[in-house]
Amino acid sequence: MILQGPVAIPPPQTPPPGVDVNLIIDQLFPLIGGIVALIVGGVVLYAFFKSDLAAAIAERIRGGVHRRQQIDEPRVAQLEGQLEHLHGQIAELAERLDFAERLLAQKRERTLRAGE
């Protein structure tokens, strides 16, 4: 058996005199963070400007509002007529439903009286 003596650990290397590593890191960290934030913000803005939402906003700013004010009167009249027709159909269906419910209620009352 061979016994070895204590192993000598070399001392940590120290920076040259006058250089404070912590100070350099403390000054670089905010700078690097700012650069990363600018890059991420640029990518987000680029993606937004290429989106459909940005195109819709641009169209609205360009004057899309004025196009909406040009109403097609015959088309509006046709849609109003269709809407009135649908209201009439809904009212008729409501009356039929009410009638059917009354008939069912009368039939239920007759069967309950007959079962007594």
N, C-alpha and C. Protein backbone atom coordinates (compact mmCIF):
# COMPACT_ATOMS: atom_id res chain seq x y z
N MET A 1 0.81 -1.17 0.00
CA MET A 1 0.00 0.00 0.00
C MET A 1 0.87 1.25 0.00
N ILE A 2 0.39 2.15 -0.88
CA ILE A 2 1.15 3.40 -0.96
C ILE A 2 0.29 4.49 -0.35
N LEU A 3 0.85 5.18 0.55
CA LEU A 3 0.14 6.28 1.20
C LEU A 3 0.55 7.60 0.55
N GLN A 4 -0.45 8.37 0.32
CA GLN A 4 -0.15 9.68 -0.26
C GLN A 4 -0.36 10.74 0.80
N GLY A 5 0.34 11.76 0.64
CA GLY A 5 0.20 12.87 1.58
C GLY A 5 -0.93 13.77 1.17
N PRO A 6 -1.15 14.81 1.91
CA PRO A 6 -2.23 15.73 1.59
C PRO A 6 -2.02 16.33 0.20
N VAL A 7 -3.13 16.42 -0.52
CA VAL A 7 -3.08 16.99 -1.87
C VAL A 7 -3.19 18.50 -1.75
N ALA A 8 -2.33 19.16 -2.41
CA ALA A 8 -2.33 20.63 -2.35
C ALA A 8 -3.32 21.16 -3.37
N ILE A 9 -4.23 21.99 -2.91
CA ILE A 9 -5.22 22.61 -3.79
C ILE A 9 -4.65 23.96 -4.20
N PRO A 10 -4.60 24.20 -5.50
CA PRO A 10 -4.04 25.49 -5.91
C PRO A 10 -4.97 26.62 -5.47
N PRO A 11 -4.42 27.73 -5.11
CA PRO A 11 -5.26 28.86 -4.67
C PRO A 11 -6.07 29.37 -5.86
N PRO A 12 -7.28 29.88 -5.59
CA PRO A 12 -8.10 30.42 -6.69
C PRO A 12 -7.39 31.59 -7.35
N GLN A 13 -7.59 31.67 -8.66
CA GLN A 13 -6.93 32.75 -9.37
C GLN A 13 -7.65 34.05 -9.07
N THR A 14 -6.93 35.01 -8.80
CA THR A 14 -7.49 36.32 -8.47
C THR A 14 -7.33 37.22 -9.68
N PRO A 15 -8.32 38.08 -9.89
CA PRO A 15 -8.20 39.01 -11.01
C PRO A 15 -7.06 39.99 -10.76
N PRO A 16 -6.61 40.61 -11.80
CA PRO A 16 -5.53 41.59 -11.61
C PRO A 16 -5.96 42.68 -10.65
N PRO A 17 -5.02 43.30 -10.01
CA PRO A 17 -5.38 44.36 -9.05
C PRO A 17 -6.10 45.51 -9.74
N GLY A 18 -7.10 46.04 -9.06
CA GLY A 18 -7.86 47.17 -9.58
C GLY A 18 -9.09 46.76 -10.36
N VAL A 19 -9.34 45.45 -10.58
CA VAL A 19 -10.52 45.00 -11.32
C VAL A 19 -11.46 44.34 -10.33
N ASP A 20 -12.69 44.85 -10.26
CA ASP A 20 -13.69 44.27 -9.38
C ASP A 20 -14.72 43.54 -10.25
N VAL A 21 -14.70 42.22 -10.22
CA VAL A 21 -15.57 41.42 -11.07
C VAL A 21 -17.04 41.66 -10.74
N ASN A 22 -17.38 41.77 -9.49
CA ASN A 22 -18.78 42.01 -9.10
C ASN A 22 -19.29 43.33 -9.65
N LEU A 23 -18.44 44.34 -9.65
CA LEU A 23 -18.85 45.63 -10.19
C LEU A 23 -19.11 45.52 -11.69
N ILE A 24 -18.27 44.80 -12.40
CA ILE A 24 -18.46 44.63 -13.84
C ILE A 24 -19.76 43.87 -14.11
N ILE A 25 -20.03 42.80 -13.37
CA ILE A 25 -21.26 42.03 -13.55
C ILE A 25 -22.48 42.89 -13.22
N ASP A 26 -22.39 43.65 -12.14
CA ASP A 26 -23.51 44.52 -11.75
C ASP A 26 -23.81 45.58 -12.81
N GLN A 27 -22.79 46.03 -13.52
CA GLN A 27 -23.02 47.03 -14.55
C GLN A 27 -23.48 46.41 -15.87
N LEU A 28 -23.06 45.20 -16.18
CA LEU A 28 -23.42 44.57 -17.44
C LEU A 28 -24.82 43.95 -17.40
N PHE A 29 -25.27 43.47 -16.25
CA PHE A 29 -26.55 42.78 -16.17
C PHE A 29 -27.71 43.66 -16.61
N PRO A 30 -27.84 44.90 -16.13
CA PRO A 30 -28.95 45.75 -16.62
C PRO A 30 -28.82 46.06 -18.12
N LEU A 31 -27.61 46.20 -18.61
CA LEU A 31 -27.41 46.48 -20.03
C LEU A 31 -27.86 45.30 -20.88
N ILE A 32 -27.48 44.10 -20.49
CA ILE A 32 -27.89 42.91 -21.23
C ILE A 32 -29.40 42.73 -21.13
N GLY A 33 -29.97 42.95 -19.95
CA GLY A 33 -31.43 42.86 -19.78
C GLY A 33 -32.16 43.85 -20.67
N GLY A 34 -31.65 45.06 -20.76
CA GLY A 34 -32.27 46.07 -21.62
C GLY A 34 -32.21 45.69 -23.09
N ILE A 35 -31.09 45.16 -23.52
CA ILE A 35 -30.95 44.73 -24.91
C ILE A 35 -31.93 43.59 -25.21
N VAL A 36 -32.04 42.62 -24.30
CA VAL A 36 -32.98 41.52 -24.49
C VAL A 36 -34.42 42.04 -24.54
N ALA A 37 -34.74 42.98 -23.67
CA ALA A 37 -36.10 43.55 -23.66
C ALA A 37 -36.39 44.28 -24.97
N LEU A 38 -35.43 45.00 -25.50
CA LEU A 38 -35.63 45.68 -26.78
C LEU A 38 -35.84 44.69 -27.92
N ILE A 39 -35.09 43.60 -27.92
CA ILE A 39 -35.25 42.59 -28.97
C ILE A 39 -36.63 41.94 -28.87
N VAL A 40 -37.02 41.55 -27.66
CA VAL A 40 -38.34 40.92 -27.48
C VAL A 40 -39.46 41.90 -27.86
N GLY A 41 -39.33 43.15 -27.44
CA GLY A 41 -40.33 44.15 -27.80
C GLY A 41 -40.41 44.37 -29.30
N GLY A 42 -39.27 44.36 -29.97
CA GLY A 42 -39.26 44.50 -31.42
C GLY A 42 -39.95 43.35 -32.11
N VAL A 43 -39.70 42.14 -31.65
CA VAL A 43 -40.34 40.96 -32.24
C VAL A 43 -41.85 41.02 -32.03
N VAL A 44 -42.28 41.42 -30.83
CA VAL A 44 -43.72 41.51 -30.55
C VAL A 44 -44.37 42.58 -31.42
N LEU A 45 -43.73 43.73 -31.56
CA LEU A 45 -44.29 44.79 -32.41
C LEU A 45 -44.34 44.36 -33.87
N TYR A 46 -43.32 43.67 -34.34
CA TYR A 46 -43.31 43.19 -35.73
C TYR A 46 -44.47 42.22 -35.95
N ALA A 47 -44.67 41.30 -35.01
CA ALA A 47 -45.76 40.34 -35.15
C ALA A 47 -47.11 41.06 -35.12
N PHE A 48 -47.24 42.08 -34.27
CA PHE A 48 -48.50 42.82 -34.20
C PHE A 48 -48.79 43.55 -35.50
N PHE A 49 -47.77 44.21 -36.06
CA PHE A 49 -47.99 44.97 -37.28
C PHE A 49 -48.30 44.08 -38.48
N LYS A 50 -47.94 42.82 -38.42
CA LYS A 50 -48.25 41.88 -39.49
C LYS A 50 -49.59 41.17 -39.26
N SER A 51 -50.25 41.43 -38.15
CA SER A 51 -51.48 40.71 -37.81
C SER A 51 -52.70 41.33 -38.49
N ASP A 52 -53.79 40.58 -38.47
CA ASP A 52 -55.06 41.06 -39.03
C ASP A 52 -55.65 42.18 -38.18
N LEU A 53 -55.37 42.14 -36.89
CA LEU A 53 -55.89 43.19 -36.00
C LEU A 53 -55.30 44.54 -36.39
N ALA A 54 -54.00 44.58 -36.66
CA ALA A 54 -53.37 45.84 -37.07
C ALA A 54 -53.94 46.31 -38.40
N ALA A 55 -54.20 45.38 -39.32
CA ALA A 55 -54.79 45.76 -40.61
C ALA A 55 -56.19 46.34 -40.42
N ALA A 56 -56.97 45.76 -39.50
CA ALA A 56 -58.31 46.28 -39.23
C ALA A 56 -58.25 47.67 -38.62
N ILE A 57 -57.32 47.87 -37.71
CA ILE A 57 -57.16 49.19 -37.08
C ILE A 57 -56.75 50.21 -38.14
N ALA A 58 -55.83 49.83 -39.02
CA ALA A 58 -55.39 50.74 -40.08
C ALA A 58 -56.54 51.08 -41.02
N GLU A 59 -57.35 50.10 -41.36
CA GLU A 59 -58.50 50.35 -42.23
C GLU A 59 -59.49 51.29 -41.56
N ARG A 60 -59.68 51.12 -40.28
CA ARG A 60 -60.59 52.01 -39.53
C ARG A 60 -60.05 53.43 -39.52
N ILE A 61 -58.73 53.57 -39.36
CA ILE A 61 -58.14 54.90 -39.33
C ILE A 61 -58.22 55.54 -40.72
N ARG A 62 -58.01 54.75 -41.78
CA ARG A 62 -58.04 55.27 -43.14
C ARG A 62 -59.41 55.78 -43.56
N GLY A 63 -60.44 55.29 -42.94
CA GLY A 63 -61.76 55.80 -43.30
C GLY A 63 -62.79 54.72 -43.49
N GLY A 64 -62.61 53.61 -42.90
CA GLY A 64 -63.59 52.55 -43.00
C GLY A 64 -64.92 52.95 -42.39
N VAL A 65 -64.90 53.95 -41.52
CA VAL A 65 -66.13 54.41 -40.87
C VAL A 65 -67.04 55.06 -41.91
N HIS A 66 -66.46 55.80 -42.85
CA HIS A 66 -67.27 56.49 -43.84
C HIS A 66 -67.96 55.51 -44.78
N ARG A 67 -67.33 54.39 -45.04
CA ARG A 67 -67.94 53.38 -45.90
C ARG A 67 -69.18 52.78 -45.24
N ARG A 68 -69.15 52.64 -43.94
CA ARG A 68 -70.30 52.08 -43.24
C ARG A 68 -71.49 53.02 -43.27
N GLN A 69 -71.24 54.32 -43.35
CA GLN A 69 -72.33 55.28 -43.33
C GLN A 69 -73.09 55.31 -44.65
N GLN A 70 -72.53 54.76 -45.70
CA GLN A 70 -73.21 54.68 -46.98
C GLN A 70 -74.12 53.45 -46.94
N ILE A 71 -75.34 53.67 -46.48
CA ILE A 71 -76.28 52.58 -46.26
C ILE A 71 -77.01 52.29 -47.56
N ASP A 72 -77.17 51.01 -47.84
CA ASP A 72 -77.91 50.56 -49.01
C ASP A 72 -79.38 50.48 -48.62
N GLU A 73 -80.14 51.53 -48.96
CA GLU A 73 -81.53 51.65 -48.52
C GLU A 73 -82.42 50.48 -48.97
N PRO A 74 -82.36 50.04 -50.22
CA PRO A 74 -83.22 48.90 -50.60
C PRO A 74 -82.89 47.64 -49.80
N ARG A 75 -81.63 47.42 -49.55
CA ARG A 75 -81.23 46.24 -48.79
C ARG A 75 -81.75 46.33 -47.35
N VAL A 76 -81.69 47.51 -46.76
CA VAL A 76 -82.19 47.71 -45.40
C VAL A 76 -83.69 47.47 -45.36
N ALA A 77 -84.41 47.96 -46.37
CA ALA A 77 -85.86 47.76 -46.41
C ALA A 77 -86.20 46.28 -46.55
N GLN A 78 -85.42 45.57 -47.38
CA GLN A 78 -85.64 44.14 -47.54
C GLN A 78 -85.40 43.40 -46.22
N LEU A 79 -84.32 43.74 -45.52
CA LEU A 79 -84.02 43.09 -44.24
C LEU A 79 -85.07 43.40 -43.19
N GLU A 80 -85.59 44.63 -43.20
CA GLU A 80 -86.65 44.97 -42.24
C GLU A 80 -87.90 44.15 -42.52
N GLY A 81 -88.22 43.97 -43.80
CA GLY A 81 -89.39 43.16 -44.15
C GLY A 81 -89.22 41.71 -43.70
N GLN A 82 -88.01 41.16 -43.91
CA GLN A 82 -87.75 39.80 -43.45
C GLN A 82 -87.85 39.70 -41.94
N LEU A 83 -87.37 40.73 -41.25
CA LEU A 83 -87.43 40.72 -39.80
C LEU A 83 -88.88 40.75 -39.30
N GLU A 84 -89.71 41.56 -39.93
CA GLU A 84 -91.13 41.60 -39.54
C GLU A 84 -91.80 40.26 -39.80
N HIS A 85 -91.47 39.63 -40.92
CA HIS A 85 -92.02 38.31 -41.23
C HIS A 85 -91.61 37.30 -40.17
N LEU A 86 -90.36 37.32 -39.77
CA LEU A 86 -89.89 36.40 -38.74
C LEU A 86 -90.57 36.65 -37.40
N HIS A 87 -90.80 37.92 -37.06
CA HIS A 87 -91.52 38.23 -35.82
C HIS A 87 -92.93 37.65 -35.86
N GLY A 88 -93.57 37.74 -37.03
CA GLY A 88 -94.91 37.18 -37.15
C GLY A 88 -94.90 35.66 -36.98
N GLN A 89 -93.90 35.00 -37.58
CA GLN A 89 -93.79 33.55 -37.44
C GLN A 89 -93.55 33.15 -36.00
N ILE A 90 -92.71 33.91 -35.30
CA ILE A 90 -92.43 33.60 -33.89
C ILE A 90 -93.70 33.76 -33.06
N ALA A 91 -94.46 34.81 -33.31
CA ALA A 91 -95.70 35.02 -32.57
C ALA A 91 -96.68 33.87 -32.82
N GLU A 92 -96.79 33.43 -34.09
CA GLU A 92 -97.68 32.32 -34.41
C GLU A 92 -97.24 31.03 -33.72
N LEU A 93 -95.93 30.78 -33.71
CA LEU A 93 -95.42 29.58 -33.02
C LEU A 93 -95.68 29.64 -31.53
N ALA A 94 -95.56 30.84 -30.94
CA ALA A 94 -95.83 30.98 -29.51
C ALA A 94 -97.30 30.67 -29.21
N GLU A 95 -98.20 31.14 -30.07
CA GLU A 95 -99.61 30.84 -29.87
C GLU A 95 -99.89 29.35 -29.99
N ARG A 96 -99.27 28.69 -30.97
CA ARG A 96 -99.47 27.25 -31.14
C ARG A 96 -98.92 26.47 -29.95
N LEU A 97 -97.78 26.90 -29.45
CA LEU A 97 -97.20 26.25 -28.28
C LEU A 97 -98.11 26.41 -27.06
N ASP A 98 -98.64 27.60 -26.88
CA ASP A 98 -99.55 27.84 -25.76
C ASP A 98 -100.79 26.95 -25.88
N PHE A 99 -101.33 26.85 -27.09
CA PHE A 99 -102.50 26.00 -27.32
C PHE A 99 -102.19 24.54 -27.01
N ALA A 100 -101.04 24.06 -27.48
CA ALA A 100 -100.66 22.66 -27.23
C ALA A 100 -100.48 22.41 -25.74
N GLU A 101 -99.90 23.35 -25.03
CA GLU A 101 -99.71 23.20 -23.58
C GLU A 101 -101.07 23.13 -22.87
N ARG A 102 -102.02 23.96 -23.31
CA ARG A 102 -103.34 23.92 -22.68
C ARG A 102 -104.03 22.59 -22.93
N LEU A 103 -103.91 22.07 -24.17
CA LEU A 103 -104.52 20.77 -24.47
C LEU A 103 -103.90 19.67 -23.62
N LEU A 104 -102.59 19.68 -23.47
CA LEU A 104 -101.92 18.67 -22.65
C LEU A 104 -102.34 18.79 -21.19
N ALA A 105 -102.49 20.01 -20.72
CA ALA A 105 -102.90 20.20 -19.32
C ALA A 105 -104.33 19.69 -19.11
N GLN A 106 -105.23 19.94 -20.07
CA GLN A 106 -106.60 19.44 -19.96
C GLN A 106 -106.62 17.92 -19.97
N LYS A 107 -105.83 17.32 -20.86
CA LYS A 107 -105.79 15.86 -20.93
C LYS A 107 -105.26 15.28 -19.63
N ARG A 108 -104.25 15.91 -19.06
CA ARG A 108 -103.68 15.42 -17.80
C ARG A 108 -104.71 15.51 -16.68
N GLU A 109 -105.49 16.61 -16.66
CA GLU A 109 -106.52 16.76 -15.62
C GLU A 109 -107.61 15.68 -15.78
N ARG A 110 -108.00 15.37 -17.01
CA ARG A 110 -109.02 14.34 -17.24
C ARG A 110 -108.53 12.96 -16.77
N THR A 111 -107.26 12.65 -17.09
CA THR A 111 -106.73 11.33 -16.67
C THR A 111 -106.59 11.25 -15.16
N LEU A 112 -106.27 12.36 -14.52
CA LEU A 112 -106.16 12.36 -13.06
C LEU A 112 -107.55 12.19 -12.43
N ARG A 113 -108.59 12.81 -12.98
CA ARG A 113 -109.95 12.69 -12.46
C ARG A 113 -110.48 11.27 -12.68
N ALA A 114 -110.16 10.71 -13.84
CA ALA A 114 -110.64 9.36 -14.15
C ALA A 114 -109.93 8.33 -13.26
N GLY A 115 -108.74 8.59 -12.83
CA GLY A 115 -107.99 7.64 -12.00
C GLY A 115 -108.39 7.69 -10.56
N GLU A 116 -109.16 8.64 -10.13
CA GLU A 116 -109.53 8.76 -8.72
C GLU A 116 -110.47 7.69 -8.27
